[in-house]
Amino acid sequence: MAEQYIPILVMFVLTGGLVGTMVGLARVLGPQRPNPHKGDPFECGNPPSGGAWGRFSVKFYMTAISFIVFDVEVVFFYPWAVKFRDLGWPGLAAMMLFAFLLAVGLLYEWRKGALEWD
C-alpha cells in the first residue's frame, strides 16, 4: 500500500532539491550591489506618500472582494461551455440558475452602492 506513494515522495524530494539549488545559486551567483534606494517602496513610479500602515476605505475591500468573487465564478462558465451539448437541458437549467444568482448578487451590490467609487 505504501509503495504506491514512493514516486510522489521522490517527486517532492527532487522538486525540493531543485528549488533549494536554484535559490542557493541565485543567492551565491546573483549580483550583489547594495543601494539605499533598492529597499524603498515603489508606488507606480511615484514617490511614496504617507505611512505604510494607512487605513483603506471599506469600499476598497468591497470592490476587491466583488472582483475576485465574480472573476472566479465566471471561470465556472468555461467547463460548462465545453460540455454544453453533453449536459443537455438539465445542464442549461443549472447554468441559467447560476447566472441568475450571479445577476441577483450583482444587482444587490449595485443597489447597496458597493460599485460606487468616490
PDB file of N, CA and C in Angstrom:
ATOM      1  N   MET A   1       0.819  -1.189   0.000  1.00  0.00           N
ATOM      2  CA  MET A   1       0.000   0.000   0.000  1.00  0.00           C
ATOM      3  C   MET A   1       0.865   1.257   0.000  1.00  0.00           C
ATOM      4  N   ALA A   2       1.887   1.283   0.840  1.00  0.00           N
ATOM      5  CA  ALA A   2       2.732   2.467   0.951  1.00  0.00           C
ATOM      6  C   ALA A   2       3.638   2.626  -0.269  1.00  0.00           C
ATOM      7  N   GLU A   3       3.927   1.526  -0.949  1.00  0.00           N
ATOM      8  CA  GLU A   3       4.837   1.621  -2.101  1.00  0.00           C
ATOM      9  C   GLU A   3       4.251   2.412  -3.265  1.00  0.00           C
ATOM     10  N   GLN A   4       2.948   2.589  -3.300  1.00  0.00           N
ATOM     11  CA  GLN A   4       2.357   3.384  -4.385  1.00  0.00           C
ATOM     12  C   GLN A   4       2.620   4.882  -4.187  1.00  0.00           C
ATOM     13  N   TYR A   5       3.003   5.298  -2.970  1.00  0.00           N
ATOM     14  CA  TYR A   5       3.291   6.707  -2.698  1.00  0.00           C
ATOM     15  C   TYR A   5       4.773   7.042  -2.860  1.00  0.00           C
ATOM     16  N   ILE A   6       5.600   6.064  -3.110  1.00  0.00           N
ATOM     17  CA  ILE A   6       7.040   6.301  -3.256  1.00  0.00           C
ATOM     18  C   ILE A   6       7.332   7.239  -4.436  1.00  0.00           C
ATOM     19  N   PRO A   7       6.726   7.092  -5.615  1.00  0.00           N
ATOM     20  CA  PRO A   7       7.008   8.048  -6.694  1.00  0.00           C
ATOM     21  C   PRO A   7       6.646   9.493  -6.324  1.00  0.00           C
ATOM     22  N   ILE A   8       5.574   9.677  -5.557  1.00  0.00           N
ATOM     23  CA  ILE A   8       5.192  11.028  -5.147  1.00  0.00           C
ATOM     24  C   ILE A   8       6.230  11.585  -4.180  1.00  0.00           C
ATOM     25  N   LEU A   9       6.701  10.745  -3.242  1.00  0.00           N
ATOM     26  CA  LEU A   9       7.734  11.172  -2.313  1.00  0.00           C
ATOM     27  C   LEU A   9       9.018  11.539  -3.055  1.00  0.00           C
ATOM     28  N   VAL A  10       9.390  10.735  -4.038  1.00  0.00           N
ATOM     29  CA  VAL A  10      10.582  11.026  -4.837  1.00  0.00           C
ATOM     30  C   VAL A  10      10.405  12.346  -5.587  1.00  0.00           C
ATOM     31  N   MET A  11       9.227  12.580  -6.126  1.00  0.00           N
ATOM     32  CA  MET A  11       8.978  13.831  -6.835  1.00  0.00           C
ATOM     33  C   MET A  11       9.124  15.031  -5.891  1.00  0.00           C
ATOM     34  N   PHE A  12       8.571  14.926  -4.669  1.00  0.00           N
ATOM     35  CA  PHE A  12       8.686  16.019  -3.704  1.00  0.00           C
ATOM     36  C   PHE A  12      10.141  16.268  -3.320  1.00  0.00           C
ATOM     37  N   VAL A  13      10.912  15.201  -3.121  1.00  0.00           N
ATOM     38  CA  VAL A  13      12.316  15.349  -2.748  1.00  0.00           C
ATOM     39  C   VAL A  13      13.094  15.993  -3.889  1.00  0.00           C
ATOM     40  N   LEU A  14      12.872  15.529  -5.109  1.00  0.00           N
ATOM     41  CA  LEU A  14      13.577  16.117  -6.251  1.00  0.00           C
ATOM     42  C   LEU A  14      13.179  17.574  -6.471  1.00  0.00           C
ATOM     43  N   THR A  15      11.904  17.868  -6.336  1.00  0.00           N
ATOM     44  CA  THR A  15      11.441  19.247  -6.509  1.00  0.00           C
ATOM     45  C   THR A  15      12.009  20.147  -5.427  1.00  0.00           C
ATOM     46  N   GLY A  16      11.978  19.696  -4.185  1.00  0.00           N
ATOM     47  CA  GLY A  16      12.559  20.482  -3.094  1.00  0.00           C
ATOM     48  C   GLY A  16      14.052  20.700  -3.294  1.00  0.00           C
ATOM     49  N   GLY A  17      14.755  19.666  -3.753  1.00  0.00           N
ATOM     50  CA  GLY A  17      16.188  19.812  -4.036  1.00  0.00           C
ATOM     51  C   GLY A  17      16.452  20.803  -5.154  1.00  0.00           C
ATOM     52  N   LEU A  18      15.640  20.748  -6.202  1.00  0.00           N
ATOM     53  CA  LEU A  18      15.806  21.678  -7.320  1.00  0.00           C
ATOM     54  C   LEU A  18      15.540  23.118  -6.877  1.00  0.00           C
ATOM     55  N   VAL A  19      14.483  23.309  -6.096  1.00  0.00           N
ATOM     56  CA  VAL A  19      14.165  24.653  -5.605  1.00  0.00           C
ATOM     57  C   VAL A  19      15.285  25.162  -4.707  1.00  0.00           C
ATOM     58  N   GLY A  20      15.744  24.340  -3.793  1.00  0.00           N
ATOM     59  CA  GLY A  20      16.845  24.741  -2.910  1.00  0.00           C
ATOM     60  C   GLY A  20      18.104  25.079  -3.684  1.00  0.00           C
ATOM     61  N   THR A  21      18.411  24.283  -4.702  1.00  0.00           N
ATOM     62  CA  THR A  21      19.586  24.544  -5.526  1.00  0.00           C
ATOM     63  C   THR A  21      19.454  25.863  -6.268  1.00  0.00           C
ATOM     64  N   MET A  22      18.297  26.119  -6.857  1.00  0.00           N
ATOM     65  CA  MET A  22      18.097  27.362  -7.604  1.00  0.00           C
ATOM     66  C   MET A  22      18.190  28.585  -6.693  1.00  0.00           C
ATOM     67  N   VAL A  23      17.574  28.501  -5.521  1.00  0.00           N
ATOM     68  CA  VAL A  23      17.625  29.636  -4.593  1.00  0.00           C
ATOM     69  C   VAL A  23      19.050  29.847  -4.106  1.00  0.00           C
ATOM     70  N   GLY A  24      19.729  28.766  -3.777  1.00  0.00           N
ATOM     71  CA  GLY A  24      21.118  28.886  -3.322  1.00  0.00           C
ATOM     72  C   GLY A  24      22.025  29.463  -4.397  1.00  0.00           C
ATOM     73  N   LEU A  25      21.893  28.984  -5.624  1.00  0.00           N
ATOM     74  CA  LEU A  25      22.715  29.520  -6.716  1.00  0.00           C
ATOM     75  C   LEU A  25      22.399  30.984  -6.997  1.00  0.00           C
ATOM     76  N   ALA A  26      21.141  31.360  -6.907  1.00  0.00           N
ATOM     77  CA  ALA A  26      20.785  32.765  -7.130  1.00  0.00           C
ATOM     78  C   ALA A  26      21.394  33.638  -6.043  1.00  0.00           C
ATOM     79  N   ARG A  27      21.425  33.139  -4.815  1.00  0.00           N
ATOM     80  CA  ARG A  27      21.992  33.921  -3.711  1.00  0.00           C
ATOM     81  C   ARG A  27      23.512  34.055  -3.870  1.00  0.00           C
ATOM     82  N   VAL A  28      24.171  32.981  -4.297  1.00  0.00           N
ATOM     83  CA  VAL A  28      25.633  32.995  -4.410  1.00  0.00           C
ATOM     84  C   VAL A  28      26.085  33.702  -5.687  1.00  0.00           C
ATOM     85  N   LEU A  29      25.447  33.393  -6.805  1.00  0.00           N
ATOM     86  CA  LEU A  29      25.914  33.913  -8.087  1.00  0.00           C
ATOM     87  C   LEU A  29      25.237  35.209  -8.523  1.00  0.00           C
ATOM     88  N   GLY A  30      24.172  35.577  -7.862  1.00  0.00           N
ATOM     89  CA  GLY A  30      23.422  36.770  -8.258  1.00  0.00           C
ATOM     90  C   GLY A  30      24.196  38.046  -7.982  1.00  0.00           C
ATOM     91  N   PRO A  31      23.813  39.131  -8.661  1.00  0.00           N
ATOM     92  CA  PRO A  31      24.509  40.399  -8.446  1.00  0.00           C
ATOM     93  C   PRO A  31      24.251  40.925  -7.026  1.00  0.00           C
ATOM     94  N   GLN A  32      25.298  41.411  -6.399  1.00  0.00           N
ATOM     95  CA  GLN A  32      25.216  41.944  -5.042  1.00  0.00           C
ATOM     96  C   GLN A  32      25.648  43.406  -5.060  1.00  0.00           C
ATOM     97  N   ARG A  33      24.760  44.285  -5.451  1.00  0.00           N
ATOM     98  CA  ARG A  33      25.052  45.716  -5.477  1.00  0.00           C
ATOM     99  C   ARG A  33      24.094  46.435  -4.541  1.00  0.00           C
ATOM    100  N   PRO A  34      24.447  46.535  -3.246  1.00  0.00           N
ATOM    101  CA  PRO A  34      23.542  47.209  -2.329  1.00  0.00           C
ATOM    102  C   PRO A  34      23.402  48.687  -2.687  1.00  0.00           C
ATOM    103  N   ASN A  35      22.196  49.197  -2.515  1.00  0.00           N
ATOM    104  CA  ASN A  35      21.895  50.577  -2.845  1.00  0.00           C
ATOM    105  C   ASN A  35      20.837  51.063  -1.859  1.00  0.00           C
ATOM    106  N   PRO A  36      20.974  52.268  -1.310  1.00  0.00           N
ATOM    107  CA  PRO A  36      19.963  52.709  -0.349  1.00  0.00           C
ATOM    108  C   PRO A  36      18.575  52.845  -0.955  1.00  0.00           C
ATOM    109  N   HIS A  37      18.470  53.034  -2.253  1.00  0.00           N
ATOM    110  CA  HIS A  37      17.168  53.205  -2.892  1.00  0.00           C
ATOM    111  C   HIS A  37      16.509  51.881  -3.270  1.00  0.00           C
ATOM    112  N   LYS A  38      17.258  50.783  -3.204  1.00  0.00           N
ATOM    113  CA  LYS A  38      16.689  49.486  -3.556  1.00  0.00           C
ATOM    114  C   LYS A  38      15.591  49.058  -2.601  1.00  0.00           C
ATOM    115  N   GLY A  39      15.724  49.385  -1.341  1.00  0.00           N
ATOM    116  CA  GLY A  39      14.745  48.967  -0.358  1.00  0.00           C
ATOM    117  C   GLY A  39      13.554  49.902  -0.217  1.00  0.00           C
ATOM    118  N   ASP A  40      13.558  51.014  -0.961  1.00  0.00           N
ATOM    119  CA  ASP A  40      12.442  51.958  -0.873  1.00  0.00           C
ATOM    120  C   ASP A  40      11.183  51.362  -1.489  1.00  0.00           C
ATOM    121  N   PRO A  41      10.024  51.672  -0.910  1.00  0.00           N
ATOM    122  CA  PRO A  41       8.779  51.209  -1.546  1.00  0.00           C
ATOM    123  C   PRO A  41       8.558  51.925  -2.872  1.00  0.00           C
ATOM    124  N   PHE A  42       7.892  51.234  -3.774  1.00  0.00           N
ATOM    125  CA  PHE A  42       7.659  51.778  -5.108  1.00  0.00           C
ATOM    126  C   PHE A  42       6.168  51.780  -5.385  1.00  0.00           C
ATOM    127  N   GLU A  43       5.623  52.947  -5.656  1.00  0.00           N
ATOM    128  CA  GLU A  43       4.187  53.064  -5.882  1.00  0.00           C
ATOM    129  C   GLU A  43       3.917  53.629  -7.267  1.00  0.00           C
ATOM    130  N   CYS A  44       3.932  52.792  -8.254  1.00  0.00           N
ATOM    131  CA  CYS A  44       3.567  53.172  -9.625  1.00  0.00           C
ATOM    132  C   CYS A  44       4.394  54.335 -10.150  1.00  0.00           C
ATOM    133  N   GLY A  45       5.662  54.385  -9.826  1.00  0.00           N
ATOM    134  CA  GLY A  45       6.524  55.434 -10.349  1.00  0.00           C
ATOM    135  C   GLY A  45       6.480  56.720  -9.550  1.00  0.00           C
ATOM    136  N   ASN A  46       5.637  56.787  -8.537  1.00  0.00           N
ATOM    137  CA  ASN A  46       5.533  57.978  -7.710  1.00  0.00           C
ATOM    138  C   ASN A  46       6.285  57.765  -6.401  1.00  0.00           C
ATOM    139  N   PRO A  47       6.808  58.854  -5.830  1.00  0.00           N
ATOM    140  CA  PRO A  47       7.425  58.688  -4.514  1.00  0.00           C
ATOM    141  C   PRO A  47       6.374  58.262  -3.496  1.00  0.00           C
ATOM    142  N   PRO A  48       6.752  57.476  -2.503  1.00  0.00           N
ATOM    143  CA  PRO A  48       5.774  57.012  -1.520  1.00  0.00           C
ATOM    144  C   PRO A  48       5.133  58.189  -0.782  1.00  0.00           C
ATOM    145  N   SER A  49       3.859  58.060  -0.522  1.00  0.00           N
ATOM    146  CA  SER A  49       3.150  59.109   0.207  1.00  0.00           C
ATOM    147  C   SER A  49       2.477  58.478   1.417  1.00  0.00           C
ATOM    148  N   GLY A  50       2.675  59.042   2.571  1.00  0.00           N
ATOM    149  CA  GLY A  50       2.044  58.519   3.771  1.00  0.00           C
ATOM    150  C   GLY A  50       2.792  57.323   4.327  1.00  0.00           C
ATOM    151  N   GLY A  51       2.287  56.840   5.446  1.00  0.00           N
ATOM    152  CA  GLY A  51       2.911  55.695   6.091  1.00  0.00           C
ATOM    153  C   GLY A  51       2.440  54.385   5.491  1.00  0.00           C
ATOM    154  N   ALA A  52       3.146  53.339   5.837  1.00  0.00           N
ATOM    155  CA  ALA A  52       2.794  52.013   5.330  1.00  0.00           C
ATOM    156  C   ALA A  52       1.574  51.446   6.030  1.00  0.00           C
ATOM    157  N   TRP A  53       1.187  52.024   7.162  1.00  0.00           N
ATOM    158  CA  TRP A  53       0.086  51.490   7.939  1.00  0.00           C
ATOM    159  C   TRP A  53      -1.173  52.334   7.784  1.00  0.00           C
ATOM    160  N   GLY A  54      -1.305  53.008   6.642  1.00  0.00           N
ATOM    161  CA  GLY A  54      -2.502  53.807   6.399  1.00  0.00           C
ATOM    162  C   GLY A  54      -3.733  52.937   6.265  1.00  0.00           C
ATOM    163  N   ARG A  55      -4.869  53.505   6.579  1.00  0.00           N
ATOM    164  CA  ARG A  55      -6.121  52.752   6.511  1.00  0.00           C
ATOM    165  C   ARG A  55      -6.766  52.949   5.147  1.00  0.00           C
ATOM    166  N   PHE A  56      -7.366  51.872   4.658  1.00  0.00           N
ATOM    167  CA  PHE A  56      -8.112  51.917   3.413  1.00  0.00           C
ATOM    168  C   PHE A  56      -9.597  51.949   3.731  1.00  0.00           C
ATOM    169  N   SER A  57     -10.342  52.531   2.841  1.00  0.00           N
ATOM    170  CA  SER A  57     -11.786  52.550   2.992  1.00  0.00           C
ATOM    171  C   SER A  57     -12.341  51.135   2.809  1.00  0.00           C
ATOM    172  N   VAL A  58     -13.457  50.864   3.471  1.00  0.00           N
ATOM    173  CA  VAL A  58     -14.113  49.564   3.324  1.00  0.00           C
ATOM    174  C   VAL A  58     -14.557  49.363   1.886  1.00  0.00           C
ATOM    175  N   LYS A  59     -14.879  50.441   1.177  1.00  0.00           N
ATOM    176  CA  LYS A  59     -15.307  50.326  -0.227  1.00  0.00           C
ATOM    177  C   LYS A  59     -14.208  49.706  -1.087  1.00  0.00           C
ATOM    178  N   PHE A  60     -12.953  49.993  -0.746  1.00  0.00           N
ATOM    179  CA  PHE A  60     -11.840  49.388  -1.491  1.00  0.00           C
ATOM    180  C   PHE A  60     -11.891  47.873  -1.365  1.00  0.00           C
ATOM    181  N   TYR A  61     -12.075  47.394  -0.147  1.00  0.00           N
ATOM    182  CA  TYR A  61     -12.121  45.948   0.071  1.00  0.00           C
ATOM    183  C   TYR A  61     -13.362  45.330  -0.561  1.00  0.00           C
ATOM    184  N   MET A  62     -14.481  46.021  -0.492  1.00  0.00           N
ATOM    185  CA  MET A  62     -15.707  45.501  -1.109  1.00  0.00           C
ATOM    186  C   MET A  62     -15.529  45.361  -2.616  1.00  0.00           C
ATOM    187  N   THR A  63     -14.905  46.353  -3.235  1.00  0.00           N
ATOM    188  CA  THR A  63     -14.666  46.277  -4.681  1.00  0.00           C
ATOM    189  C   THR A  63     -13.710  45.135  -5.001  1.00  0.00           C
ATOM    190  N   ALA A  64     -12.660  44.991  -4.211  1.00  0.00           N
ATOM    191  CA  ALA A  64     -11.686  43.921  -4.455  1.00  0.00           C
ATOM    192  C   ALA A  64     -12.320  42.548  -4.286  1.00  0.00           C
ATOM    193  N   ILE A  65     -13.096  42.370  -3.233  1.00  0.00           N
ATOM    194  CA  ILE A  65     -13.741  41.079  -2.998  1.00  0.00           C
ATOM    195  C   ILE A  65     -14.762  40.787  -4.084  1.00  0.00           C
ATOM    196  N   SER A  66     -15.522  41.809  -4.489  1.00  0.00           N
ATOM    197  CA  SER A  66     -16.510  41.614  -5.556  1.00  0.00           C
ATOM    198  C   SER A  66     -15.827  41.183  -6.847  1.00  0.00           C
ATOM    199  N   PHE A  67     -14.705  41.825  -7.169  1.00  0.00           N
ATOM    200  CA  PHE A  67     -13.971  41.454  -8.378  1.00  0.00           C
ATOM    201  C   PHE A  67     -13.516  40.004  -8.305  1.00  0.00           C
ATOM    202  N   ILE A  68     -12.949  39.605  -7.189  1.00  0.00           N
ATOM    203  CA  ILE A  68     -12.453  38.238  -7.062  1.00  0.00           C
ATOM    204  C   ILE A  68     -13.598  37.240  -7.146  1.00  0.00           C
ATOM    205  N   VAL A  69     -14.693  37.521  -6.452  1.00  0.00           N
ATOM    206  CA  VAL A  69     -15.828  36.590  -6.460  1.00  0.00           C
ATOM    207  C   VAL A  69     -16.374  36.414  -7.868  1.00  0.00           C
ATOM    208  N   PHE A  70     -16.637  37.514  -8.560  1.00  0.00           N
ATOM    209  CA  PHE A  70     -17.219  37.393  -9.889  1.00  0.00           C
ATOM    210  C   PHE A  70     -16.211  36.851 -10.900  1.00  0.00           C
ATOM    211  N   ASP A  71     -14.944  37.153 -10.718  1.00  0.00           N
ATOM    212  CA  ASP A  71     -13.927  36.632 -11.625  1.00  0.00           C
ATOM    213  C   ASP A  71     -13.809  35.121 -11.479  1.00  0.00           C
ATOM    214  N   VAL A  72     -13.808  34.634 -10.256  1.00  0.00           N
ATOM    215  CA  VAL A  72     -13.696  33.189 -10.028  1.00  0.00           C
ATOM    216  C   VAL A  72     -14.966  32.479 -10.480  1.00  0.00           C
ATOM    217  N   GLU A  73     -16.125  33.089 -10.243  1.00  0.00           N
ATOM    218  CA  GLU A  73     -17.362  32.429 -10.629  1.00  0.00           C
ATOM    219  C   GLU A  73     -17.521  32.355 -12.144  1.00  0.00           C
ATOM    220  N   VAL A  74     -17.001  33.330 -12.848  1.00  0.00           N
ATOM    221  CA  VAL A  74     -17.088  33.287 -14.310  1.00  0.00           C
ATOM    222  C   VAL A  74     -16.270  32.124 -14.862  1.00  0.00           C
ATOM    223  N   VAL A  75     -15.244  31.698 -14.120  1.00  0.00           N
ATOM    224  CA  VAL A  75     -14.433  30.552 -14.553  1.00  0.00           C
ATOM    225  C   VAL A  75     -15.288  29.302 -14.661  1.00  0.00           C
ATOM    226  N   PHE A  76     -16.367  29.217 -13.889  1.00  0.00           N
ATOM    227  CA  PHE A  76     -17.234  28.048 -13.947  1.00  0.00           C
ATOM    228  C   PHE A  76     -18.013  27.969 -15.263  1.00  0.00           C
ATOM    229  N   PHE A  77     -18.079  29.040 -16.007  1.00  0.00           N
ATOM    230  CA  PHE A  77     -18.767  29.010 -17.294  1.00  0.00           C
ATOM    231  C   PHE A  77     -17.967  28.251 -18.354  1.00  0.00           C
ATOM    232  N   TYR A  78     -16.645  28.219 -18.251  1.00  0.00           N
ATOM    233  CA  TYR A  78     -15.827  27.577 -19.287  1.00  0.00           C
ATOM    234  C   TYR A  78     -16.043  26.068 -19.365  1.00  0.00           C
ATOM    235  N   PRO A  79     -15.972  25.324 -18.263  1.00  0.00           N
ATOM    236  CA  PRO A  79     -16.225  23.884 -18.396  1.00  0.00           C
ATOM    237  C   PRO A  79     -17.644  23.587 -18.861  1.00  0.00           C
ATOM    238  N   TRP A  80     -18.590  24.417 -18.430  1.00  0.00           N
ATOM    239  CA  TRP A  80     -19.975  24.244 -18.881  1.00  0.00           C
ATOM    240  C   TRP A  80     -20.069  24.442 -20.387  1.00  0.00           C
ATOM    241  N   ALA A  81     -19.374  25.454 -20.902  1.00  0.00           N
ATOM    242  CA  ALA A  81     -19.420  25.708 -22.338  1.00  0.00           C
ATOM    243  C   ALA A  81     -18.790  24.558 -23.126  1.00  0.00           C
ATOM    244  N   VAL A  82     -17.758  23.946 -22.575  1.00  0.00           N
ATOM    245  CA  VAL A  82     -17.098  22.831 -23.256  1.00  0.00           C
ATOM    246  C   VAL A  82     -18.017  21.619 -23.314  1.00  0.00           C
ATOM    247  N   LYS A  83     -18.741  21.358 -22.242  1.00  0.00           N
ATOM    248  CA  LYS A  83     -19.618  20.190 -22.158  1.00  0.00           C
ATOM    249  C   LYS A  83     -21.087  20.529 -22.403  1.00  0.00           C
ATOM    250  N   PHE A  84     -21.359  21.641 -23.044  1.00  0.00           N
ATOM    251  CA  PHE A  84     -22.715  22.133 -23.228  1.00  0.00           C
ATOM    252  C   PHE A  84     -23.628  21.093 -23.867  1.00  0.00           C
ATOM    253  N   ARG A  85     -23.189  20.485 -24.947  1.00  0.00           N
ATOM    254  CA  ARG A  85     -24.041  19.526 -25.673  1.00  0.00           C
ATOM    255  C   ARG A  85     -24.262  18.244 -24.866  1.00  0.00           C
ATOM    256  N   ASP A  86     -23.253  17.825 -24.120  1.00  0.00           N
ATOM    257  CA  ASP A  86     -23.387  16.584 -23.335  1.00  0.00           C
ATOM    258  C   ASP A  86     -24.314  16.758 -22.139  1.00  0.00           C
ATOM    259  N   LEU A  87     -24.387  17.966 -21.592  1.00  0.00           N
ATOM    260  CA  LEU A  87     -25.186  18.193 -20.387  1.00  0.00           C
ATOM    261  C   LEU A  87     -26.679  18.316 -20.678  1.00  0.00           C
ATOM    262  N   GLY A  88     -27.020  18.762 -21.871  1.00  0.00           N
ATOM    263  CA  GLY A  88     -28.427  18.856 -22.269  1.00  0.00           C
ATOM    264  C   GLY A  88     -29.192  19.919 -21.500  1.00  0.00           C
ATOM    265  N   TRP A  89     -30.513  19.708 -21.424  1.00  0.00           N
ATOM    266  CA  TRP A  89     -31.389  20.686 -20.777  1.00  0.00           C
ATOM    267  C   TRP A  89     -31.132  20.833 -19.284  1.00  0.00           C
ATOM    268  N   PRO A  90     -30.858  19.757 -18.555  1.00  0.00           N
ATOM    269  CA  PRO A  90     -30.560  19.946 -17.121  1.00  0.00           C
ATOM    270  C   PRO A  90     -29.324  20.826 -16.893  1.00  0.00           C
ATOM    271  N   GLY A  91     -28.328  20.645 -17.731  1.00  0.00           N
ATOM    272  CA  GLY A  91     -27.125  21.479 -17.611  1.00  0.00           C
ATOM    273  C   GLY A  91     -27.417  22.930 -17.924  1.00  0.00           C
ATOM    274  N   LEU A  92     -28.263  23.162 -18.931  1.00  0.00           N
ATOM    275  CA  LEU A  92     -28.642  24.535 -19.278  1.00  0.00           C
ATOM    276  C   LEU A  92     -29.439  25.166 -18.138  1.00  0.00           C
ATOM    277  N   ALA A  93     -30.358  24.405 -17.556  1.00  0.00           N
ATOM    278  CA  ALA A  93     -31.163  24.936 -16.454  1.00  0.00           C
ATOM    279  C   ALA A  93     -30.281  25.256 -15.248  1.00  0.00           C
ATOM    280  N   ALA A  94     -29.325  24.396 -14.936  1.00  0.00           N
ATOM    281  CA  ALA A  94     -28.433  24.640 -13.802  1.00  0.00           C
ATOM    282  C   ALA A  94     -27.587  25.888 -14.034  1.00  0.00           C
ATOM    283  N   MET A  95     -27.095  26.057 -15.260  1.00  0.00           N
ATOM    284  CA  MET A  95     -26.263  27.227 -15.538  1.00  0.00           C
ATOM    285  C   MET A  95     -27.096  28.496 -15.588  1.00  0.00           C
ATOM    286  N   MET A  96     -28.331  28.409 -16.039  1.00  0.00           N
ATOM    287  CA  MET A  96     -29.194  29.597 -16.022  1.00  0.00           C
ATOM    288  C   MET A  96     -29.506  30.004 -14.579  1.00  0.00           C
ATOM    289  N   LEU A  97     -29.706  29.026 -13.703  1.00  0.00           N
ATOM    290  CA  LEU A  97     -29.905  29.332 -12.289  1.00  0.00           C
ATOM    291  C   LEU A  97     -28.654  29.983 -11.706  1.00  0.00           C
ATOM    292  N   PHE A  98     -27.507  29.459 -12.052  1.00  0.00           N
ATOM    293  CA  PHE A  98     -26.226  30.020 -11.602  1.00  0.00           C
ATOM    294  C   PHE A  98     -26.068  31.454 -12.100  1.00  0.00           C
ATOM    295  N   ALA A  99     -26.345  31.685 -13.370  1.00  0.00           N
ATOM    296  CA  ALA A  99     -26.230  33.038 -13.937  1.00  0.00           C
ATOM    297  C   ALA A  99     -27.241  33.984 -13.294  1.00  0.00           C
ATOM    298  N   PHE A 100     -28.436  33.476 -13.016  1.00  0.00           N
ATOM    299  CA  PHE A 100     -29.451  34.297 -12.354  1.00  0.00           C
ATOM    300  C   PHE A 100     -28.988  34.712 -10.962  1.00  0.00           C
ATOM    301  N   LEU A 101     -28.408  33.778 -10.218  1.00  0.00           N
ATOM    302  CA  LEU A 101     -27.903  34.109  -8.882  1.00  0.00           C
ATOM    303  C   LEU A 101     -26.751  35.104  -8.946  1.00  0.00           C
ATOM    304  N   LEU A 102     -25.895  34.981  -9.959  1.00  0.00           N
ATOM    305  CA  LEU A 102     -24.834  35.975 -10.158  1.00  0.00           C
ATOM    306  C   LEU A 102     -25.425  37.347 -10.435  1.00  0.00           C
ATOM    307  N   ALA A 103     -26.451  37.387 -11.273  1.00  0.00           N
ATOM    308  CA  ALA A 103     -27.087  38.663 -11.597  1.00  0.00           C
ATOM    309  C   ALA A 103     -27.762  39.268 -10.373  1.00  0.00           C
ATOM    310  N   VAL A 104     -28.385  38.444  -9.547  1.00  0.00           N
ATOM    311  CA  VAL A 104     -29.019  38.949  -8.321  1.00  0.00           C
ATOM    312  C   VAL A 104     -27.955  39.509  -7.379  1.00  0.00           C
ATOM    313  N   GLY A 105     -26.828  38.826  -7.252  1.00  0.00           N
ATOM    314  CA  GLY A 105     -25.737  39.320  -6.410  1.00  0.00           C
ATOM    315  C   GLY A 105     -25.176  40.632  -6.919  1.00  0.00           C
ATOM    316  N   LEU A 106     -25.019  40.737  -8.229  1.00  0.00           N
ATOM    317  CA  LEU A 106     -24.531  41.987  -8.812  1.00  0.00           C
ATOM    318  C   LEU A 106     -25.532  43.116  -8.609  1.00  0.00           C
ATOM    319  N   LEU A 107     -26.808  42.827  -8.789  1.00  0.00           N
ATOM    320  CA  LEU A 107     -27.841  43.838  -8.567  1.00  0.00           C
ATOM    321  C   LEU A 107     -27.852  44.286  -7.106  1.00  0.00           C
ATOM    322  N   TYR A 108     -27.691  43.354  -6.193  1.00  0.00           N
ATOM    323  CA  TYR A 108     -27.642  43.686  -4.770  1.00  0.00           C
ATOM    324  C   TYR A 108     -26.465  44.616  -4.470  1.00  0.00           C
ATOM    325  N   GLU A 109     -25.277  44.275  -5.003  1.00  0.00           N
ATOM    326  CA  GLU A 109     -24.103  45.127  -4.792  1.00  0.00           C
ATOM    327  C   GLU A 109     -24.314  46.508  -5.391  1.00  0.00           C
ATOM    328  N   TRP A 110     -24.921  46.555  -6.551  1.00  0.00           N
ATOM    329  CA  TRP A 110     -25.164  47.825  -7.228  1.00  0.00           C
ATOM    330  C   TRP A 110     -26.104  48.689  -6.393  1.00  0.00           C
ATOM    331  N   ARG A 111     -27.181  48.068  -5.886  1.00  0.00           N
ATOM    332  CA  ARG A 111     -28.155  48.815  -5.086  1.00  0.00           C
ATOM    333  C   ARG A 111     -27.578  49.298  -3.759  1.00  0.00           C
ATOM    334  N   LYS A 112     -26.654  48.518  -3.188  1.00  0.00           N
ATOM    335  CA  LYS A 112     -26.039  48.906  -1.928  1.00  0.00           C
ATOM    336  C   LYS A 112     -24.932  49.948  -2.116  1.00  0.00           C
ATOM    337  N   GLY A 113     -24.551  50.214  -3.364  1.00  0.00           N
ATOM    338  CA  GLY A 113     -23.512  51.210  -3.640  1.00  0.00           C
ATOM    339  C   GLY A 113     -22.107  50.682  -3.530  1.00  0.00           C
ATOM    340  N   ALA A 114     -21.926  49.361  -3.530  1.00  0.00           N
ATOM    341  CA  ALA A 114     -20.592  48.779  -3.406  1.00  0.00           C
ATOM    342  C   ALA A 114     -19.751  49.019  -4.660  1.00  0.00           C
ATOM    343  N   LEU A 115     -20.385  49.339  -5.766  1.00  0.00           N
ATOM    344  CA  LEU A 115     -19.646  49.568  -7.000  1.00  0.00           C
ATOM    345  C   LEU A 115     -19.329  51.046  -7.235  1.00  0.00           C
ATOM    346  N   GLU A 116     -19.794  51.912  -6.347  1.00  0.00           N
ATOM    347  CA  GLU A 116     -19.514  53.345  -6.466  1.00  0.00           C
ATOM    348  C   GLU A 116     -18.115  53.623  -5.948  1.00  0.00           C
ATOM    349  N   TRP A 117     -17.379  54.405  -6.679  1.00  0.00           N
ATOM    350  CA  TRP A 117     -16.027  54.743  -6.275  1.00  0.00           C
ATOM    351  C   TRP A 117     -15.938  56.260  -6.192  1.00  0.00           C
ATOM    352  N   ASP A 118     -15.857  56.784  -4.965  1.00  0.00           N
ATOM    353  CA  ASP A 118     -15.801  58.232  -4.772  1.00  0.00           C
ATOM    354  C   ASP A 118     -14.391  58.750  -4.783  1.00  0.00           C
TER     355      ASP A 118
END
